[in-house]
């Protein structure tokens, strides 16, 4: 162990860098939501209604993402079902 290890910079990330990473995630999420098609919220409501016919879930337990790979679009549906 050297003297620089004792008085050097902390090994843990600073709160500013953590905040910066969190902001990057939020900005990426907002950009994706802004570029989403208009029908996506209606599609999410319809899928939620169909699932509720069989299982009672809240709206926050359903997440729908539409990813565009250039030549095709991928609809990803994540549902947290109760046990």
PDB file of N, CA and C in Angstrom:
ATOM      1  N   UNK A   1       0.857  -1.174   0.000  1.00  0.00           N
ATOM      2  CA  UNK A   1       0.000   0.000   0.000  1.00  0.00           C
ATOM      3  C   UNK A   1       0.897   1.229   0.000  1.00  0.00           C
ATOM      4  N   UNK A   2       0.615   2.159  -0.903  1.00  0.00           N
ATOM      5  CA  UNK A   2       1.417   3.372  -0.974  1.00  0.00           C
ATOM      6  C   UNK A   2       0.687   4.532  -0.309  1.00  0.00           C
ATOM      7  N   UNK A   3       1.389   5.604  -0.141  1.00  0.00           N
ATOM      8  CA  UNK A   3       0.813   6.814   0.461  1.00  0.00           C
ATOM      9  C   UNK A   3      -0.305   7.371  -0.413  1.00  0.00           C
ATOM     10  N   UNK A   4      -0.191   7.149  -1.729  1.00  0.00           N
ATOM     11  CA  UNK A   4      -1.230   7.638  -2.635  1.00  0.00           C
ATOM     12  C   UNK A   4      -2.538   6.867  -2.468  1.00  0.00           C
ATOM     13  N   UNK A   5      -2.441   5.603  -2.066  1.00  0.00           N
ATOM     14  CA  UNK A   5      -3.646   4.824  -1.818  1.00  0.00           C
ATOM     15  C   UNK A   5      -4.405   5.339  -0.602  1.00  0.00           C
ATOM     16  N   UNK A   6      -3.681   5.809   0.379  1.00  0.00           N
ATOM     17  CA  UNK A   6      -4.315   6.298   1.603  1.00  0.00           C
ATOM     18  C   UNK A   6      -4.993   7.643   1.364  1.00  0.00           C
ATOM     19  N   UNK A   7      -4.282   8.545   0.729  1.00  0.00           N
ATOM     20  CA  UNK A   7      -4.800   9.902   0.537  1.00  0.00           C
ATOM     21  C   UNK A   7      -5.313  10.163  -0.869  1.00  0.00           C
ATOM     22  N   UNK A   8      -5.334   9.134  -1.672  1.00  0.00           N
ATOM     23  CA  UNK A   8      -5.766   9.288  -3.058  1.00  0.00           C
ATOM     24  C   UNK A   8      -7.270   9.407  -3.178  1.00  0.00           C
ATOM     25  N   UNK A   9      -7.696   9.351  -4.398  1.00  0.00           N
ATOM     26  CA  UNK A   9      -9.127   9.453  -4.685  1.00  0.00           C
ATOM     27  C   UNK A   9      -9.853   8.231  -4.154  1.00  0.00           C
ATOM     28  N   UNK A  10     -11.132   8.420  -3.839  1.00  0.00           N
ATOM     29  CA  UNK A  10     -11.963   7.315  -3.375  1.00  0.00           C
ATOM     30  C   UNK A  10     -12.188   6.329  -4.505  1.00  0.00           C
ATOM     31  N   UNK A  11     -12.270   5.082  -4.154  1.00  0.00           N
ATOM     32  CA  UNK A  11     -12.548   4.040  -5.149  1.00  0.00           C
ATOM     33  C   UNK A  11     -14.021   4.031  -5.542  1.00  0.00           C
ATOM     34  N   UNK A  12     -14.893   4.507  -4.639  1.00  0.00           N
ATOM     35  CA  UNK A  12     -16.317   4.530  -4.919  1.00  0.00           C
ATOM     36  C   UNK A  12     -16.650   5.717  -5.822  1.00  0.00           C
ATOM     37  N   UNK A  13     -17.636   5.535  -6.698  1.00  0.00           N
ATOM     38  CA  UNK A  13     -18.010   6.641  -7.594  1.00  0.00           C
ATOM     39  C   UNK A  13     -18.613   7.809  -6.809  1.00  0.00           C
ATOM     40  N   UNK A  14     -18.338   8.989  -7.276  1.00  0.00           N
ATOM     41  CA  UNK A  14     -18.875  10.205  -6.653  1.00  0.00           C
ATOM     42  C   UNK A  14     -20.358  10.318  -6.949  1.00  0.00           C
ATOM     43  N   UNK A  15     -21.052  11.068  -6.125  1.00  0.00           N
ATOM     44  CA  UNK A  15     -22.494  11.221  -6.317  1.00  0.00           C
ATOM     45  C   UNK A  15     -22.806  11.928  -7.635  1.00  0.00           C
ATOM     46  N   UNK A  16     -21.911  12.798  -8.090  1.00  0.00           N
ATOM     47  CA  UNK A  16     -22.139  13.475  -9.371  1.00  0.00           C
ATOM     48  C   UNK A  16     -22.114  12.479 -10.532  1.00  0.00           C
ATOM     49  N   UNK A  17     -21.204  11.525 -10.496  1.00  0.00           N
ATOM     50  CA  UNK A  17     -21.145  10.546 -11.590  1.00  0.00           C
ATOM     51  C   UNK A  17     -22.337   9.602 -11.533  1.00  0.00           C
ATOM     52  N   UNK A  18     -22.796   9.284 -10.334  1.00  0.00           N
ATOM     53  CA  UNK A  18     -23.990   8.446 -10.205  1.00  0.00           C
ATOM     54  C   UNK A  18     -25.202   9.192 -10.750  1.00  0.00           C
ATOM     55  N   UNK A  19     -25.325  10.475 -10.401  1.00  0.00           N
ATOM     56  CA  UNK A  19     -26.436  11.283 -10.905  1.00  0.00           C
ATOM     57  C   UNK A  19     -26.375  11.398 -12.422  1.00  0.00           C
ATOM     58  N   UNK A  20     -25.182  11.525 -12.969  1.00  0.00           N
ATOM     59  CA  UNK A  20     -25.017  11.623 -14.421  1.00  0.00           C
ATOM     60  C   UNK A  20     -25.492  10.346 -15.109  1.00  0.00           C
ATOM     61  N   UNK A  21     -25.147   9.183 -14.566  1.00  0.00           N
ATOM     62  CA  UNK A  21     -25.582   7.916 -15.143  1.00  0.00           C
ATOM     63  C   UNK A  21     -27.099   7.767 -15.055  1.00  0.00           C
ATOM     64  N   UNK A  22     -27.678   8.159 -13.944  1.00  0.00           N
ATOM     65  CA  UNK A  22     -29.132   8.088 -13.805  1.00  0.00           C
ATOM     66  C   UNK A  22     -29.816   9.015 -14.792  1.00  0.00           C
ATOM     67  N   UNK A  23     -29.255  10.190 -14.996  1.00  0.00           N
ATOM     68  CA  UNK A  23     -29.823  11.135 -15.959  1.00  0.00           C
ATOM     69  C   UNK A  23     -29.752  10.579 -17.376  1.00  0.00           C
ATOM     70  N   UNK A  24     -28.684   9.883 -17.703  1.00  0.00           N
ATOM     71  CA  UNK A  24     -28.571   9.259 -19.023  1.00  0.00           C
ATOM     72  C   UNK A  24     -29.691   8.244 -19.245  1.00  0.00           C
ATOM     73  N   UNK A  25     -29.995   7.468 -18.217  1.00  0.00           N
ATOM     74  CA  UNK A  25     -31.059   6.470 -18.325  1.00  0.00           C
ATOM     75  C   UNK A  25     -32.404   7.154 -18.537  1.00  0.00           C
ATOM     76  N   UNK A  26     -32.655   8.229 -17.786  1.00  0.00           N
ATOM     77  CA  UNK A  26     -33.923   8.956 -17.908  1.00  0.00           C
ATOM     78  C   UNK A  26     -34.060   9.577 -19.288  1.00  0.00           C
ATOM     79  N   UNK A  27     -32.998  10.185 -19.789  1.00  0.00           N
ATOM     80  CA  UNK A  27     -33.039  10.815 -21.116  1.00  0.00           C
ATOM     81  C   UNK A  27     -33.266   9.767 -22.202  1.00  0.00           C
ATOM     82  N   UNK A  28     -32.625   8.620 -22.092  1.00  0.00           N
ATOM     83  CA  UNK A  28     -32.823   7.553 -23.083  1.00  0.00           C
ATOM     84  C   UNK A  28     -34.264   7.056 -23.052  1.00  0.00           C
ATOM     85  N   UNK A  29     -34.828   6.942 -21.865  1.00  0.00           N
ATOM     86  CA  UNK A  29     -36.216   6.488 -21.742  1.00  0.00           C
ATOM     87  C   UNK A  29     -37.166   7.518 -22.348  1.00  0.00           C
ATOM     88  N   UNK A  30     -36.927   8.789 -22.104  1.00  0.00           N
ATOM     89  CA  UNK A  30     -37.780   9.848 -22.658  1.00  0.00           C
ATOM     90  C   UNK A  30     -37.682   9.906 -24.177  1.00  0.00           C
ATOM     91  N   UNK A  31     -36.497   9.722 -24.725  1.00  0.00           N
ATOM     92  CA  UNK A  31     -36.338   9.725 -26.184  1.00  0.00           C
ATOM     93  C   UNK A  31     -37.095   8.569 -26.818  1.00  0.00           C
ATOM     94  N   UNK A  32     -37.011   7.410 -26.166  1.00  0.00           N
ATOM     95  CA  UNK A  32     -37.719   6.244 -26.698  1.00  0.00           C
ATOM     96  C   UNK A  32     -39.228   6.458 -26.634  1.00  0.00           C
ATOM     97  N   UNK A  33     -39.710   7.061 -25.539  1.00  0.00           N
ATOM     98  CA  UNK A  33     -41.154   7.316 -25.401  1.00  0.00           C
ATOM     99  C   UNK A  33     -41.615   8.361 -26.409  1.00  0.00           C
ATOM    100  N   UNK A  34     -40.787   9.338 -26.702  1.00  0.00           N
ATOM    101  CA  UNK A  34     -41.145  10.387 -27.653  1.00  0.00           C
ATOM    102  C   UNK A  34     -41.243   9.838 -29.071  1.00  0.00           C
ATOM    103  N   UNK A  35     -40.423   8.862 -29.399  1.00  0.00           N
ATOM    104  CA  UNK A  35     -40.423   8.290 -30.744  1.00  0.00           C
ATOM    105  C   UNK A  35     -41.377   7.108 -30.892  1.00  0.00           C
ATOM    106  N   UNK A  36     -42.106   6.790 -29.845  1.00  0.00           N
ATOM    107  CA  UNK A  36     -43.037   5.655 -29.888  1.00  0.00           C
ATOM    108  C   UNK A  36     -44.250   6.010 -30.744  1.00  0.00           C
ATOM    109  N   UNK A  37     -44.828   5.025 -31.410  1.00  0.00           N
ATOM    110  CA  UNK A  37     -46.023   5.282 -32.219  1.00  0.00           C
ATOM    111  C   UNK A  37     -47.211   5.677 -31.351  1.00  0.00           C
ATOM    112  N   UNK A  38     -48.179   6.382 -31.961  1.00  0.00           N
ATOM    113  CA  UNK A  38     -49.342   6.875 -31.214  1.00  0.00           C
ATOM    114  C   UNK A  38     -50.217   5.741 -30.689  1.00  0.00           C
ATOM    115  N   UNK A  39     -50.226   4.606 -31.368  1.00  0.00           N
ATOM    116  CA  UNK A  39     -51.103   3.514 -30.977  1.00  0.00           C
ATOM    117  C   UNK A  39     -50.582   2.724 -29.776  1.00  0.00           C
ATOM    118  N   UNK A  40     -49.351   2.969 -29.330  1.00  0.00           N
ATOM    119  CA  UNK A  40     -48.778   2.163 -28.262  1.00  0.00           C
ATOM    120  C   UNK A  40     -49.538   2.274 -26.939  1.00  0.00           C
ATOM    121  N   UNK A  41     -49.967   3.450 -26.467  1.00  0.00           N
ATOM    122  CA  UNK A  41     -50.763   3.499 -25.228  1.00  0.00           C
ATOM    123  C   UNK A  41     -52.100   2.757 -25.344  1.00  0.00           C
ATOM    124  N   UNK A  42     -52.759   2.861 -26.497  1.00  0.00           N
ATOM    125  CA  UNK A  42     -54.026   2.142 -26.697  1.00  0.00           C
ATOM    126  C   UNK A  42     -53.775   0.638 -26.719  1.00  0.00           C
ATOM    127  N   UNK A  43     -52.694   0.214 -27.338  1.00  0.00           N
ATOM    128  CA  UNK A  43     -52.334  -1.201 -27.371  1.00  0.00           C
ATOM    129  C   UNK A  43     -52.074  -1.709 -25.953  1.00  0.00           C
ATOM    130  N   UNK A  44     -51.393  -0.910 -25.152  1.00  0.00           N
ATOM    131  CA  UNK A  44     -51.115  -1.300 -23.775  1.00  0.00           C
ATOM    132  C   UNK A  44     -52.412  -1.445 -22.971  1.00  0.00           C
ATOM    133  N   UNK A  45     -53.363  -0.531 -23.165  1.00  0.00           N
ATOM    134  CA  UNK A  45     -54.647  -0.631 -22.462  1.00  0.00           C
ATOM    135  C   UNK A  45     -55.401  -1.886 -22.888  1.00  0.00           C
ATOM    136  N   UNK A  46     -55.404  -2.186 -24.189  1.00  0.00           N
ATOM    137  CA  UNK A  46     -56.096  -3.378 -24.682  1.00  0.00           C
ATOM    138  C   UNK A  46     -55.479  -4.660 -24.129  1.00  0.00           C
ATOM    139  N   UNK A  47     -54.155  -4.741 -24.130  1.00  0.00           N
ATOM    140  CA  UNK A  47     -53.483  -5.926 -23.592  1.00  0.00           C
ATOM    141  C   UNK A  47     -53.763  -6.058 -22.101  1.00  0.00           C
ATOM    142  N   UNK A  48     -53.759  -4.939 -21.385  1.00  0.00           N
ATOM    143  CA  UNK A  48     -54.063  -4.958 -19.958  1.00  0.00           C
ATOM    144  C   UNK A  48     -55.483  -5.446 -19.705  1.00  0.00           C
ATOM    145  N   UNK A  49     -56.431  -5.011 -20.529  1.00  0.00           N
ATOM    146  CA  UNK A  49     -57.823  -5.462 -20.382  1.00  0.00           C
ATOM    147  C   UNK A  49     -57.961  -6.963 -20.608  1.00  0.00           C
ATOM    148  N   UNK A  50     -57.244  -7.492 -21.593  1.00  0.00           N
ATOM    149  CA  UNK A  50     -57.306  -8.929 -21.866  1.00  0.00           C
ATOM    150  C   UNK A  50     -56.704  -9.720 -20.711  1.00  0.00           C
ATOM    151  N   UNK A  51     -55.578  -9.282 -20.187  1.00  0.00           N
ATOM    152  CA  UNK A  51     -54.943  -9.981 -19.069  1.00  0.00           C
ATOM    153  C   UNK A  51     -55.832  -9.930 -17.830  1.00  0.00           C
ATOM    154  N   UNK A  52     -56.514  -8.801 -17.621  1.00  0.00           N
ATOM    155  CA  UNK A  52     -57.389  -8.653 -16.453  1.00  0.00           C
ATOM    156  C   UNK A  52     -58.618  -9.563 -16.508  1.00  0.00           C
ATOM    157  N   UNK A  53     -58.934 -10.103 -17.668  1.00  0.00           N
ATOM    158  CA  UNK A  53     -60.029 -11.071 -17.747  1.00  0.00           C
ATOM    159  C   UNK A  53     -59.682 -12.331 -16.968  1.00  0.00           C
ATOM    160  N   UNK A  54     -58.386 -12.624 -16.854  1.00  0.00           N
ATOM    161  CA  UNK A  54     -57.931 -13.858 -16.231  1.00  0.00           C
ATOM    162  C   UNK A  54     -57.221 -13.651 -14.897  1.00  0.00           C
ATOM    163  N   UNK A  55     -56.497 -12.535 -14.763  1.00  0.00           N
ATOM    164  CA  UNK A  55     -55.696 -12.268 -13.568  1.00  0.00           C
ATOM    165  C   UNK A  55     -55.813 -10.787 -13.237  1.00  0.00           C
ATOM    166  N   UNK A  56     -55.992 -10.474 -11.962  1.00  0.00           N
ATOM    167  CA  UNK A  56     -56.068  -9.076 -11.551  1.00  0.00           C
ATOM    168  C   UNK A  56     -54.651  -8.508 -11.375  1.00  0.00           C
ATOM    169  N   UNK A  57     -54.300  -7.555 -12.226  1.00  0.00           N
ATOM    170  CA  UNK A  57     -53.001  -6.888 -12.119  1.00  0.00           C
ATOM    171  C   UNK A  57     -53.212  -5.391 -12.225  1.00  0.00           C
ATOM    172  N   UNK A  58     -52.235  -4.642 -11.733  1.00  0.00           N
ATOM    173  CA  UNK A  58     -52.245  -3.184 -11.847  1.00  0.00           C
ATOM    174  C   UNK A  58     -51.558  -2.775 -13.133  1.00  0.00           C
ATOM    175  N   UNK A  59     -51.788  -1.532 -13.525  1.00  0.00           N
ATOM    176  CA  UNK A  59     -51.208  -1.036 -14.769  1.00  0.00           C
ATOM    177  C   UNK A  59     -49.686  -0.987 -14.700  1.00  0.00           C
ATOM    178  N   UNK A  60     -49.126  -0.747 -13.510  1.00  0.00           N
ATOM    179  CA  UNK A  60     -47.670  -0.672 -13.401  1.00  0.00           C
ATOM    180  C   UNK A  60     -47.011  -2.051 -13.463  1.00  0.00           C
ATOM    181  N   UNK A  61     -47.798  -3.114 -13.480  1.00  0.00           N
ATOM    182  CA  UNK A  61     -47.263  -4.467 -13.597  1.00  0.00           C
ATOM    183  C   UNK A  61     -47.152  -4.913 -15.051  1.00  0.00           C
ATOM    184  N   UNK A  62     -47.506  -4.031 -15.977  1.00  0.00           N
ATOM    185  CA  UNK A  62     -47.418  -4.318 -17.407  1.00  0.00           C
ATOM    186  C   UNK A  62     -46.518  -3.284 -18.059  1.00  0.00           C
ATOM    187  N   UNK A  63     -45.513  -3.769 -18.775  1.00  0.00           N
ATOM    188  CA  UNK A  63     -44.606  -2.871 -19.482  1.00  0.00           C
ATOM    189  C   UNK A  63     -44.505  -3.324 -20.928  1.00  0.00           C
ATOM    190  N   UNK A  64     -44.710  -2.381 -21.847  1.00  0.00           N
ATOM    191  CA  UNK A  64     -44.640  -2.686 -23.272  1.00  0.00           C
ATOM    192  C   UNK A  64     -43.589  -1.782 -23.903  1.00  0.00           C
ATOM    193  N   UNK A  65     -42.678  -2.391 -24.642  1.00  0.00           N
ATOM    194  CA  UNK A  65     -41.637  -1.654 -25.359  1.00  0.00           C
ATOM    195  C   UNK A  65     -41.664  -2.057 -26.816  1.00  0.00           C
ATOM    196  N   UNK A  66     -41.461  -1.083 -27.682  1.00  0.00           N
ATOM    197  CA  UNK A  66     -41.377  -1.338 -29.113  1.00  0.00           C
ATOM    198  C   UNK A  66     -39.969  -0.962 -29.548  1.00  0.00           C
ATOM    199  N   UNK A  67     -39.201  -1.949 -29.979  1.00  0.00           N
ATOM    200  CA  UNK A  67     -37.825  -1.730 -30.415  1.00  0.00           C
ATOM    201  C   UNK A  67     -37.749  -1.874 -31.924  1.00  0.00           C
ATOM    202  N   UNK A  68     -37.076  -0.933 -32.561  1.00  0.00           N
ATOM    203  CA  UNK A  68     -36.932  -0.949 -34.013  1.00  0.00           C
ATOM    204  C   UNK A  68     -35.497  -1.319 -34.356  1.00  0.00           C
ATOM    205  N   UNK A  69     -35.310  -2.419 -35.073  1.00  0.00           N
ATOM    206  CA  UNK A  69     -33.984  -2.874 -35.470  1.00  0.00           C
ATOM    207  C   UNK A  69     -33.636  -2.477 -36.903  1.00  0.00           C
ATOM    208  N   UNK A  70     -34.370  -1.564 -37.460  1.00  0.00           N
ATOM    209  CA  UNK A  70     -34.105  -1.136 -38.825  1.00  0.00           C
ATOM    210  C   UNK A  70     -34.992  -1.837 -39.826  1.00  0.00           C
ATOM    211  N   UNK A  71     -34.871  -3.151 -39.933  1.00  0.00           N
ATOM    212  CA  UNK A  71     -35.687  -3.879 -40.900  1.00  0.00           C
ATOM    213  C   UNK A  71     -36.870  -4.594 -40.258  1.00  0.00           C
ATOM    214  N   UNK A  72     -36.983  -4.553 -38.930  1.00  0.00           N
ATOM    215  CA  UNK A  72     -38.155  -5.134 -38.272  1.00  0.00           C
ATOM    216  C   UNK A  72     -38.369  -4.452 -36.921  1.00  0.00           C
ATOM    217  N   UNK A  73     -39.584  -4.530 -36.437  1.00  0.00           N
ATOM    218  CA  UNK A  73     -39.934  -3.984 -35.128  1.00  0.00           C
ATOM    219  C   UNK A  73     -40.236  -5.133 -34.186  1.00  0.00           C
ATOM    220  N   UNK A  74     -39.785  -4.997 -32.940  1.00  0.00           N
ATOM    221  CA  UNK A  74     -39.989  -6.037 -31.939  1.00  0.00           C
ATOM    222  C   UNK A  74     -40.839  -5.460 -30.825  1.00  0.00           C
ATOM    223  N   UNK A  75     -41.979  -6.107 -30.569  1.00  0.00           N
ATOM    224  CA  UNK A  75     -42.870  -5.708 -29.481  1.00  0.00           C
ATOM    225  C   UNK A  75     -42.548  -6.584 -28.282  1.00  0.00           C
ATOM    226  N   UNK A  76     -42.103  -5.960 -27.204  1.00  0.00           N
ATOM    227  CA  UNK A  76     -41.736  -6.688 -25.988  1.00  0.00           C
ATOM    228  C   UNK A  76     -42.778  -6.389 -24.917  1.00  0.00           C
ATOM    229  N   UNK A  77     -43.401  -7.439 -24.381  1.00  0.00           N
ATOM    230  CA  UNK A  77     -44.432  -7.301 -23.345  1.00  0.00           C
ATOM    231  C   UNK A  77     -43.954  -8.017 -22.095  1.00  0.00           C
ATOM    232  N   UNK A  78     -43.830  -7.275 -20.999  1.00  0.00           N
ATOM    233  CA  UNK A  78     -43.441  -7.839 -19.712  1.00  0.00           C
ATOM    234  C   UNK A  78     -44.593  -7.689 -18.747  1.00  0.00           C
ATOM    235  N   UNK A  79     -45.023  -8.795 -18.158  1.00  0.00           N
ATOM    236  CA  UNK A  79     -46.144  -8.798 -17.217  1.00  0.00           C
ATOM    237  C   UNK A  79     -45.687  -9.430 -15.915  1.00  0.00           C
ATOM    238  N   UNK A  80     -45.859  -8.718 -14.816  1.00  0.00           N
ATOM    239  CA  UNK A  80     -45.583  -9.279 -13.495  1.00  0.00           C
ATOM    240  C   UNK A  80     -46.884  -9.874 -12.962  1.00  0.00           C
ATOM    241  N   UNK A  81     -46.962 -11.188 -12.971  1.00  0.00           N
ATOM    242  CA  UNK A  81     -48.168 -11.876 -12.535  1.00  0.00           C
ATOM    243  C   UNK A  81     -48.079 -12.186 -11.047  1.00  0.00           C
ATOM    244  N   UNK A  82     -49.212 -12.108 -10.348  1.00  0.00           N
ATOM    245  CA  UNK A  82     -49.195 -12.476  -8.923  1.00  0.00           C
ATOM    246  C   UNK A  82     -49.010 -13.985  -8.776  1.00  0.00           C
ATOM    247  N   UNK A  83     -48.531 -14.377  -7.606  1.00  0.00           N
ATOM    248  CA  UNK A  83     -48.286 -15.810  -7.358  1.00  0.00           C
ATOM    249  C   UNK A  83     -49.548 -16.541  -7.056  1.00  0.00           C
TER     250      UNK A  83
END
